[in-house]
Amino acid sequence: PPGGATPRPAVWFRLGFAARRHRAVPPLPPAMPDPTSAAVVVGVAALAGAANAVAGGGSLLTYPTLVALGVGPVAANATSTVALWPGSLASMWGYRRELAGGRTWVAALAAPSIAGGLAGALLLLWGGDAWFARLVPWLVLGATLLFMLQRPLLVLAR
């Protein structure tokens, strides 16, 4: 293999009736980023954590930063999600009194949220970087529309 990289075995992913064999796996980014990139990532992560604690949307900062630094789209999405989890949990703990009356709401949304997360993860594995890179603008548009329409949707739901 070029560059002395260890070849990775072909992996079969199966999703419903569609199966796709992935042969080309993008190279992994360097194990240790340069100091400037590391400083950018730390700074953006701090801003994203603050944004998530207040209103959400922190991944709109972390994802493009990681992609700009050379991380593939799927790996950037996974990294962003995992990196922002602690802040989300801390925010939930901080707002626990305000969330106390939401047990019914949490119970109603837990199953669809888990199912959507699982379906999204499987689609990422099936589709790969190129497919996900084409999908991202539409996901951002959908999230933006939901953010803009949240009040009217809440009024309709009640």
N, C-alpha and C. Protein backbone atom coordinates (compact mmCIF):
# COMPACT_ATOMS: atom_id res chain seq x y z
N PRO A 1 0.83 -1.20 0.00
CA PRO A 1 0.00 0.00 0.00
C PRO A 1 0.87 1.25 0.00
N PRO A 2 0.36 2.34 -0.60
CA PRO A 2 1.13 3.57 -0.65
C PRO A 2 1.36 4.14 0.74
N GLY A 3 2.54 4.69 0.94
CA GLY A 3 2.85 5.33 2.21
C GLY A 3 3.06 4.37 3.36
N GLY A 4 3.11 3.08 3.09
CA GLY A 4 3.33 2.10 4.15
C GLY A 4 2.14 1.89 5.05
N ALA A 5 0.95 2.36 4.63
CA ALA A 5 -0.24 2.20 5.47
C ALA A 5 -0.66 0.74 5.52
N THR A 6 -1.19 0.34 6.64
CA THR A 6 -1.67 -1.02 6.79
C THR A 6 -2.98 -1.15 6.03
N PRO A 7 -3.12 -2.15 5.14
CA PRO A 7 -4.38 -2.29 4.42
C PRO A 7 -5.51 -2.68 5.38
N ARG A 8 -6.67 -2.15 5.11
CA ARG A 8 -7.84 -2.47 5.93
C ARG A 8 -8.71 -3.45 5.17
N PRO A 9 -9.27 -4.42 5.85
CA PRO A 9 -10.12 -5.39 5.16
C PRO A 9 -11.41 -4.74 4.65
N ALA A 10 -11.91 -5.28 3.57
CA ALA A 10 -13.20 -4.81 3.05
C ALA A 10 -14.28 -5.21 4.05
N VAL A 11 -15.22 -4.33 4.23
CA VAL A 11 -16.28 -4.57 5.21
C VAL A 11 -17.62 -4.49 4.49
N TRP A 12 -18.51 -5.40 4.82
CA TRP A 12 -19.86 -5.38 4.26
C TRP A 12 -20.78 -4.72 5.26
N PHE A 13 -21.51 -3.71 4.80
CA PHE A 13 -22.55 -3.09 5.61
C PHE A 13 -23.87 -3.42 4.94
N ARG A 14 -24.83 -3.82 5.71
CA ARG A 14 -26.13 -4.20 5.16
C ARG A 14 -27.20 -3.31 5.78
N LEU A 15 -28.00 -2.71 4.95
CA LEU A 15 -29.09 -1.87 5.41
C LEU A 15 -30.31 -2.21 4.57
N GLY A 16 -31.26 -2.93 5.16
CA GLY A 16 -32.45 -3.34 4.43
C GLY A 16 -32.05 -4.18 3.23
N PHE A 17 -32.52 -3.78 2.05
CA PHE A 17 -32.23 -4.54 0.84
C PHE A 17 -30.94 -4.09 0.18
N ALA A 18 -30.39 -2.96 0.64
CA ALA A 18 -29.21 -2.41 -0.03
C ALA A 18 -27.94 -2.86 0.68
N ALA A 19 -27.00 -3.34 -0.08
CA ALA A 19 -25.69 -3.70 0.48
C ALA A 19 -24.64 -3.01 -0.36
N ARG A 20 -23.62 -2.54 0.29
CA ARG A 20 -22.58 -1.83 -0.43
C ARG A 20 -21.23 -2.23 0.16
N ARG A 21 -20.30 -2.52 -0.67
CA ARG A 21 -18.99 -2.93 -0.20
C ARG A 21 -18.06 -1.71 -0.25
N HIS A 22 -17.49 -1.39 0.91
CA HIS A 22 -16.58 -0.26 1.01
C HIS A 22 -15.15 -0.79 0.94
N ARG A 23 -14.42 -0.38 -0.07
CA ARG A 23 -13.02 -0.79 -0.21
C ARG A 23 -12.09 0.35 0.16
N ALA A 24 -12.34 1.52 -0.39
CA ALA A 24 -11.44 2.64 -0.16
C ALA A 24 -11.82 3.33 1.15
N VAL A 25 -10.93 3.28 2.10
CA VAL A 25 -11.14 3.95 3.37
C VAL A 25 -10.20 5.14 3.39
N PRO A 26 -10.74 6.35 3.66
CA PRO A 26 -9.87 7.52 3.63
C PRO A 26 -8.78 7.40 4.69
N PRO A 27 -7.64 8.01 4.43
CA PRO A 27 -6.56 7.92 5.41
C PRO A 27 -6.95 8.62 6.71
N LEU A 28 -6.42 8.11 7.80
CA LEU A 28 -6.69 8.73 9.09
C LEU A 28 -5.87 10.01 9.22
N PRO A 29 -6.43 11.02 9.92
CA PRO A 29 -5.64 12.24 10.12
C PRO A 29 -4.45 11.93 11.02
N PRO A 30 -3.46 12.81 11.05
CA PRO A 30 -2.31 12.57 11.91
C PRO A 30 -2.74 12.43 13.36
N ALA A 31 -2.03 11.59 14.11
CA ALA A 31 -2.39 11.34 15.51
C ALA A 31 -2.28 12.62 16.34
N MET A 32 -1.30 13.45 16.07
CA MET A 32 -1.10 14.66 16.84
C MET A 32 -1.17 15.86 15.91
N PRO A 33 -2.20 16.73 16.06
CA PRO A 33 -2.30 17.89 15.18
C PRO A 33 -1.22 18.92 15.52
N ASP A 34 -0.98 19.81 14.58
CA ASP A 34 -0.02 20.87 14.86
C ASP A 34 -0.62 21.80 15.92
N PRO A 35 0.20 22.57 16.63
CA PRO A 35 -0.30 23.41 17.73
C PRO A 35 -1.39 24.40 17.32
N THR A 36 -1.28 24.97 16.13
CA THR A 36 -2.29 25.93 15.68
C THR A 36 -3.64 25.24 15.50
N SER A 37 -3.64 24.08 14.84
CA SER A 37 -4.89 23.33 14.65
C SER A 37 -5.48 22.92 15.99
N ALA A 38 -4.63 22.48 16.90
CA ALA A 38 -5.11 22.08 18.22
C ALA A 38 -5.75 23.26 18.95
N ALA A 39 -5.12 24.44 18.85
CA ALA A 39 -5.68 25.63 19.50
C ALA A 39 -7.02 26.02 18.88
N VAL A 40 -7.13 25.90 17.56
CA VAL A 40 -8.40 26.21 16.88
C VAL A 40 -9.49 25.24 17.35
N VAL A 41 -9.16 23.96 17.40
CA VAL A 41 -10.15 22.96 17.82
C VAL A 41 -10.60 23.21 19.25
N VAL A 42 -9.68 23.50 20.16
CA VAL A 42 -10.02 23.76 21.56
C VAL A 42 -10.91 25.00 21.66
N GLY A 43 -10.54 26.07 20.95
CA GLY A 43 -11.35 27.29 20.98
C GLY A 43 -12.75 27.10 20.43
N VAL A 44 -12.84 26.43 19.29
CA VAL A 44 -14.16 26.18 18.69
C VAL A 44 -14.98 25.25 19.57
N ALA A 45 -14.34 24.26 20.18
CA ALA A 45 -15.06 23.34 21.07
C ALA A 45 -15.64 24.09 22.27
N ALA A 46 -14.89 25.04 22.81
CA ALA A 46 -15.39 25.83 23.94
C ALA A 46 -16.59 26.68 23.51
N LEU A 47 -16.49 27.32 22.34
CA LEU A 47 -17.62 28.11 21.83
C LEU A 47 -18.83 27.22 21.56
N ALA A 48 -18.60 26.05 20.99
CA ALA A 48 -19.71 25.13 20.68
C ALA A 48 -20.37 24.64 21.96
N GLY A 49 -19.58 24.34 22.98
CA GLY A 49 -20.15 23.91 24.26
C GLY A 49 -21.02 25.01 24.86
N ALA A 50 -20.54 26.26 24.79
CA ALA A 50 -21.33 27.38 25.31
C ALA A 50 -22.61 27.56 24.49
N ALA A 51 -22.50 27.44 23.17
CA ALA A 51 -23.70 27.57 22.32
C ALA A 51 -24.71 26.48 22.64
N ASN A 52 -24.24 25.26 22.83
CA ASN A 52 -25.16 24.16 23.16
C ASN A 52 -25.83 24.38 24.51
N ALA A 53 -25.10 24.92 25.48
CA ALA A 53 -25.68 25.14 26.80
C ALA A 53 -26.78 26.19 26.76
N VAL A 54 -26.66 27.16 25.86
CA VAL A 54 -27.64 28.25 25.80
C VAL A 54 -28.79 27.93 24.84
N ALA A 55 -28.45 27.53 23.62
CA ALA A 55 -29.51 27.38 22.61
C ALA A 55 -29.35 26.18 21.71
N GLY A 56 -28.24 25.48 21.74
CA GLY A 56 -28.00 24.37 20.82
C GLY A 56 -27.28 24.85 19.57
N GLY A 57 -26.97 23.93 18.71
CA GLY A 57 -26.33 24.27 17.45
C GLY A 57 -24.82 24.28 17.48
N GLY A 58 -24.22 23.78 18.54
CA GLY A 58 -22.76 23.78 18.64
C GLY A 58 -22.08 22.99 17.55
N SER A 59 -22.73 21.96 17.05
CA SER A 59 -22.11 21.17 15.98
C SER A 59 -22.01 21.97 14.67
N LEU A 60 -22.77 23.06 14.56
CA LEU A 60 -22.62 23.93 13.39
C LEU A 60 -21.27 24.67 13.43
N LEU A 61 -20.63 24.67 14.58
CA LEU A 61 -19.29 25.24 14.71
C LEU A 61 -18.21 24.15 14.59
N THR A 62 -18.42 23.03 15.29
CA THR A 62 -17.38 22.00 15.35
C THR A 62 -17.24 21.22 14.04
N TYR A 63 -18.35 20.86 13.42
CA TYR A 63 -18.30 20.04 12.21
C TYR A 63 -17.50 20.72 11.08
N PRO A 64 -17.85 21.97 10.69
CA PRO A 64 -17.08 22.58 9.60
C PRO A 64 -15.61 22.83 9.97
N THR A 65 -15.35 23.07 11.25
CA THR A 65 -13.96 23.26 11.67
C THR A 65 -13.16 21.99 11.46
N LEU A 66 -13.72 20.86 11.87
CA LEU A 66 -13.02 19.59 11.70
C LEU A 66 -12.82 19.25 10.23
N VAL A 67 -13.83 19.50 9.41
CA VAL A 67 -13.71 19.23 7.97
C VAL A 67 -12.63 20.14 7.37
N ALA A 68 -12.61 21.41 7.77
CA ALA A 68 -11.61 22.34 7.26
C ALA A 68 -10.20 21.93 7.66
N LEU A 69 -10.08 21.22 8.79
CA LEU A 69 -8.76 20.76 9.24
C LEU A 69 -8.39 19.41 8.64
N GLY A 70 -9.22 18.89 7.72
CA GLY A 70 -8.85 17.67 6.99
C GLY A 70 -9.48 16.39 7.48
N VAL A 71 -10.38 16.46 8.44
CA VAL A 71 -11.08 15.25 8.91
C VAL A 71 -12.22 14.96 7.93
N GLY A 72 -12.42 13.71 7.57
CA GLY A 72 -13.49 13.33 6.66
C GLY A 72 -14.86 13.67 7.25
N PRO A 73 -15.86 13.87 6.38
CA PRO A 73 -17.19 14.28 6.86
C PRO A 73 -17.82 13.35 7.89
N VAL A 74 -17.75 12.04 7.67
CA VAL A 74 -18.37 11.10 8.62
C VAL A 74 -17.62 11.11 9.94
N ALA A 75 -16.28 11.08 9.88
CA ALA A 75 -15.48 11.11 11.10
C ALA A 75 -15.66 12.44 11.83
N ALA A 76 -15.78 13.55 11.09
CA ALA A 76 -16.00 14.86 11.71
C ALA A 76 -17.34 14.90 12.43
N ASN A 77 -18.37 14.31 11.83
CA ASN A 77 -19.69 14.27 12.45
C ASN A 77 -19.64 13.45 13.74
N ALA A 78 -19.04 12.27 13.68
CA ALA A 78 -18.95 11.42 14.86
C ALA A 78 -18.11 12.10 15.95
N THR A 79 -16.99 12.69 15.57
CA THR A 79 -16.13 13.36 16.54
C THR A 79 -16.86 14.52 17.20
N SER A 80 -17.55 15.31 16.40
CA SER A 80 -18.30 16.44 16.92
C SER A 80 -19.37 15.99 17.91
N THR A 81 -20.09 14.95 17.55
CA THR A 81 -21.15 14.44 18.42
C THR A 81 -20.59 13.95 19.74
N VAL A 82 -19.55 13.15 19.69
CA VAL A 82 -18.96 12.60 20.91
C VAL A 82 -18.34 13.73 21.75
N ALA A 83 -17.69 14.69 21.11
CA ALA A 83 -17.04 15.77 21.85
C ALA A 83 -18.04 16.67 22.56
N LEU A 84 -19.24 16.84 22.01
CA LEU A 84 -20.22 17.74 22.61
C LEU A 84 -21.11 17.06 23.64
N TRP A 85 -21.04 15.75 23.76
CA TRP A 85 -21.87 15.02 24.73
C TRP A 85 -21.68 15.48 26.17
N PRO A 86 -20.45 15.59 26.65
CA PRO A 86 -20.29 16.01 28.06
C PRO A 86 -20.93 17.36 28.35
N GLY A 87 -20.81 18.30 27.43
CA GLY A 87 -21.43 19.60 27.62
C GLY A 87 -22.95 19.52 27.65
N SER A 88 -23.50 18.65 26.81
CA SER A 88 -24.96 18.47 26.80
C SER A 88 -25.45 17.88 28.12
N LEU A 89 -24.73 16.90 28.62
CA LEU A 89 -25.10 16.30 29.90
C LEU A 89 -24.96 17.30 31.04
N ALA A 90 -23.89 18.09 31.03
CA ALA A 90 -23.70 19.11 32.05
C ALA A 90 -24.81 20.16 31.98
N SER A 91 -25.21 20.53 30.77
CA SER A 91 -26.28 21.50 30.60
C SER A 91 -27.60 20.94 31.14
N MET A 92 -27.87 19.68 30.84
CA MET A 92 -29.09 19.05 31.38
C MET A 92 -29.06 19.05 32.90
N TRP A 93 -27.91 18.76 33.49
CA TRP A 93 -27.79 18.77 34.94
C TRP A 93 -28.02 20.20 35.47
N GLY A 94 -27.47 21.19 34.80
CA GLY A 94 -27.64 22.57 35.23
C GLY A 94 -29.08 23.04 35.15
N TYR A 95 -29.83 22.55 34.18
CA TYR A 95 -31.23 22.93 33.99
C TYR A 95 -32.19 21.89 34.57
N ARG A 96 -31.71 21.05 35.47
CA ARG A 96 -32.54 19.94 35.96
C ARG A 96 -33.83 20.43 36.63
N ARG A 97 -33.81 21.57 37.31
CA ARG A 97 -35.03 22.06 37.96
C ARG A 97 -36.06 22.48 36.91
N GLU A 98 -35.58 23.13 35.85
CA GLU A 98 -36.48 23.56 34.78
C GLU A 98 -37.03 22.36 34.01
N LEU A 99 -36.29 21.27 33.97
CA LEU A 99 -36.71 20.08 33.23
C LEU A 99 -37.53 19.11 34.07
N ALA A 100 -37.71 19.43 35.36
CA ALA A 100 -38.37 18.49 36.28
C ALA A 100 -39.76 18.07 35.81
N GLY A 101 -40.53 18.95 35.21
CA GLY A 101 -41.89 18.61 34.79
C GLY A 101 -41.96 17.95 33.42
N GLY A 102 -40.83 17.59 32.84
CA GLY A 102 -40.82 17.09 31.47
C GLY A 102 -40.75 15.58 31.32
N ARG A 103 -41.09 14.82 32.35
CA ARG A 103 -41.00 13.35 32.24
C ARG A 103 -41.86 12.80 31.11
N THR A 104 -43.06 13.29 30.97
CA THR A 104 -43.95 12.83 29.90
C THR A 104 -43.36 13.16 28.54
N TRP A 105 -42.83 14.35 28.43
CA TRP A 105 -42.22 14.82 27.20
C TRP A 105 -41.01 13.95 26.84
N VAL A 106 -40.16 13.67 27.83
CA VAL A 106 -38.97 12.83 27.60
C VAL A 106 -39.39 11.42 27.19
N ALA A 107 -40.38 10.86 27.88
CA ALA A 107 -40.83 9.51 27.57
C ALA A 107 -41.39 9.42 26.15
N ALA A 108 -42.10 10.46 25.72
CA ALA A 108 -42.70 10.45 24.38
C ALA A 108 -41.65 10.57 23.28
N LEU A 109 -40.56 11.27 23.56
CA LEU A 109 -39.56 11.51 22.52
C LEU A 109 -38.35 10.58 22.58
N ALA A 110 -38.21 9.79 23.63
CA ALA A 110 -37.03 8.93 23.77
C ALA A 110 -36.94 7.90 22.65
N ALA A 111 -38.00 7.14 22.41
CA ALA A 111 -37.95 6.09 21.40
C ALA A 111 -37.71 6.64 19.98
N PRO A 112 -38.44 7.70 19.54
CA PRO A 112 -38.15 8.23 18.21
C PRO A 112 -36.73 8.80 18.10
N SER A 113 -36.22 9.38 19.17
CA SER A 113 -34.86 9.93 19.15
C SER A 113 -33.82 8.83 19.00
N ILE A 114 -33.99 7.76 19.75
CA ILE A 114 -33.06 6.63 19.66
C ILE A 114 -33.15 5.98 18.28
N ALA A 115 -34.36 5.79 17.78
CA ALA A 115 -34.53 5.19 16.45
C ALA A 115 -33.92 6.08 15.37
N GLY A 116 -34.12 7.38 15.47
CA GLY A 116 -33.54 8.31 14.49
C GLY A 116 -32.02 8.32 14.55
N GLY A 117 -31.47 8.27 15.75
CA GLY A 117 -30.01 8.22 15.90
C GLY A 117 -29.43 6.95 15.32
N LEU A 118 -30.08 5.83 15.56
CA LEU A 118 -29.62 4.54 15.02
C LEU A 118 -29.73 4.52 13.50
N ALA A 119 -30.84 5.01 12.98
CA ALA A 119 -31.01 5.05 11.52
C ALA A 119 -29.96 5.97 10.89
N GLY A 120 -29.71 7.11 11.51
CA GLY A 120 -28.69 8.03 11.00
C GLY A 120 -27.30 7.41 11.01
N ALA A 121 -26.97 6.70 12.09
CA ALA A 121 -25.66 6.05 12.17
C ALA A 121 -25.50 4.99 11.09
N LEU A 122 -26.54 4.20 10.88
CA LEU A 122 -26.47 3.18 9.83
C LEU A 122 -26.35 3.80 8.44
N LEU A 123 -27.07 4.88 8.22
CA LEU A 123 -26.97 5.57 6.92
C LEU A 123 -25.58 6.15 6.70
N LEU A 124 -24.96 6.66 7.76
CA LEU A 124 -23.59 7.16 7.65
C LEU A 124 -22.63 6.04 7.26
N LEU A 125 -22.79 4.90 7.90
CA LEU A 125 -21.93 3.77 7.57
C LEU A 125 -22.17 3.29 6.15
N TRP A 126 -23.40 3.30 5.72
CA TRP A 126 -23.75 2.83 4.39
C TRP A 126 -23.34 3.81 3.31
N GLY A 127 -23.57 5.10 3.57
CA GLY A 127 -23.36 6.10 2.53
C GLY A 127 -21.94 6.58 2.36
N GLY A 128 -21.19 6.67 3.42
CA GLY A 128 -19.81 7.11 3.32
C GLY A 128 -19.66 8.62 3.24
N ASP A 129 -18.39 9.06 3.12
CA ASP A 129 -18.06 10.48 3.16
C ASP A 129 -18.68 11.30 2.03
N ALA A 130 -18.57 10.82 0.80
CA ALA A 130 -19.07 11.61 -0.34
C ALA A 130 -20.58 11.83 -0.24
N TRP A 131 -21.30 10.78 0.10
CA TRP A 131 -22.76 10.87 0.24
C TRP A 131 -23.12 11.84 1.36
N PHE A 132 -22.45 11.71 2.50
CA PHE A 132 -22.75 12.56 3.64
C PHE A 132 -22.42 14.02 3.35
N ALA A 133 -21.31 14.27 2.66
CA ALA A 133 -20.93 15.65 2.32
C ALA A 133 -22.00 16.31 1.46
N ARG A 134 -22.65 15.56 0.57
CA ARG A 134 -23.74 16.11 -0.24
C ARG A 134 -25.01 16.32 0.58
N LEU A 135 -25.19 15.54 1.63
CA LEU A 135 -26.39 15.61 2.45
C LEU A 135 -26.34 16.73 3.50
N VAL A 136 -25.15 17.09 3.96
CA VAL A 136 -25.00 18.06 5.05
C VAL A 136 -25.74 19.37 4.81
N PRO A 137 -25.63 20.02 3.65
CA PRO A 137 -26.37 21.28 3.49
C PRO A 137 -27.88 21.13 3.69
N TRP A 138 -28.42 20.02 3.28
CA TRP A 138 -29.86 19.79 3.46
C TRP A 138 -30.20 19.56 4.93
N LEU A 139 -29.31 18.89 5.65
CA LEU A 139 -29.53 18.69 7.09
C LEU A 139 -29.47 20.03 7.83
N VAL A 140 -28.53 20.88 7.45
CA VAL A 140 -28.43 22.20 8.07
C VAL A 140 -29.68 23.03 7.74
N LEU A 141 -30.14 22.98 6.51
CA LEU A 141 -31.36 23.69 6.13
C LEU A 141 -32.54 23.19 6.96
N GLY A 142 -32.69 21.88 7.08
CA GLY A 142 -33.78 21.32 7.88
C GLY A 142 -33.71 21.74 9.34
N ALA A 143 -32.52 21.72 9.91
CA ALA A 143 -32.35 22.15 11.31
C ALA A 143 -32.68 23.64 11.46
N THR A 144 -32.27 24.44 10.49
CA THR A 144 -32.55 25.87 10.53
C THR A 144 -34.06 26.13 10.45
N LEU A 145 -34.73 25.42 9.56
CA LEU A 145 -36.19 25.57 9.45
C LEU A 145 -36.90 25.15 10.73
N LEU A 146 -36.46 24.04 11.32
CA LEU A 146 -37.07 23.62 12.59
C LEU A 146 -36.83 24.65 13.68
N PHE A 147 -35.64 25.22 13.72
CA PHE A 147 -35.34 26.25 14.71
C PHE A 147 -36.25 27.46 14.51
N MET A 148 -36.43 27.88 13.26
CA MET A 148 -37.27 29.04 12.96
C MET A 148 -38.75 28.77 13.24
N LEU A 149 -39.18 27.55 13.05
CA LEU A 149 -40.60 27.20 13.18
C LEU A 149 -40.96 26.60 14.53
N GLN A 150 -40.03 26.59 15.49
CA GLN A 150 -40.31 25.89 16.73
C GLN A 150 -41.50 26.50 17.50
N ARG A 151 -41.64 27.80 17.53
CA ARG A 151 -42.78 28.39 18.24
C ARG A 151 -44.11 28.02 17.59
N PRO A 152 -44.26 28.22 16.28
CA PRO A 152 -45.53 27.82 15.67
C PRO A 152 -45.83 26.32 15.85
N LEU A 153 -44.80 25.49 15.78
CA LEU A 153 -45.00 24.05 15.97
C LEU A 153 -45.43 23.73 17.39
N LEU A 154 -44.85 24.44 18.37
CA LEU A 154 -45.26 24.24 19.77
C LEU A 154 -46.70 24.65 19.98
N VAL A 155 -47.11 25.75 19.35
CA VAL A 155 -48.50 26.22 19.46
C VAL A 155 -49.44 25.17 18.87
N LEU A 156 -49.07 24.63 17.72
CA LEU A 156 -49.90 23.59 17.09
C LEU A 156 -49.96 22.32 17.93
N ALA A 157 -48.86 21.98 18.57
CA ALA A 157 -48.82 20.76 19.38
C ALA A 157 -49.68 20.85 20.63
N ARG A 158 -49.88 22.05 21.11
CA ARG A 158 -50.67 22.22 22.34
C ARG A 158 -52.09 22.38 21.96
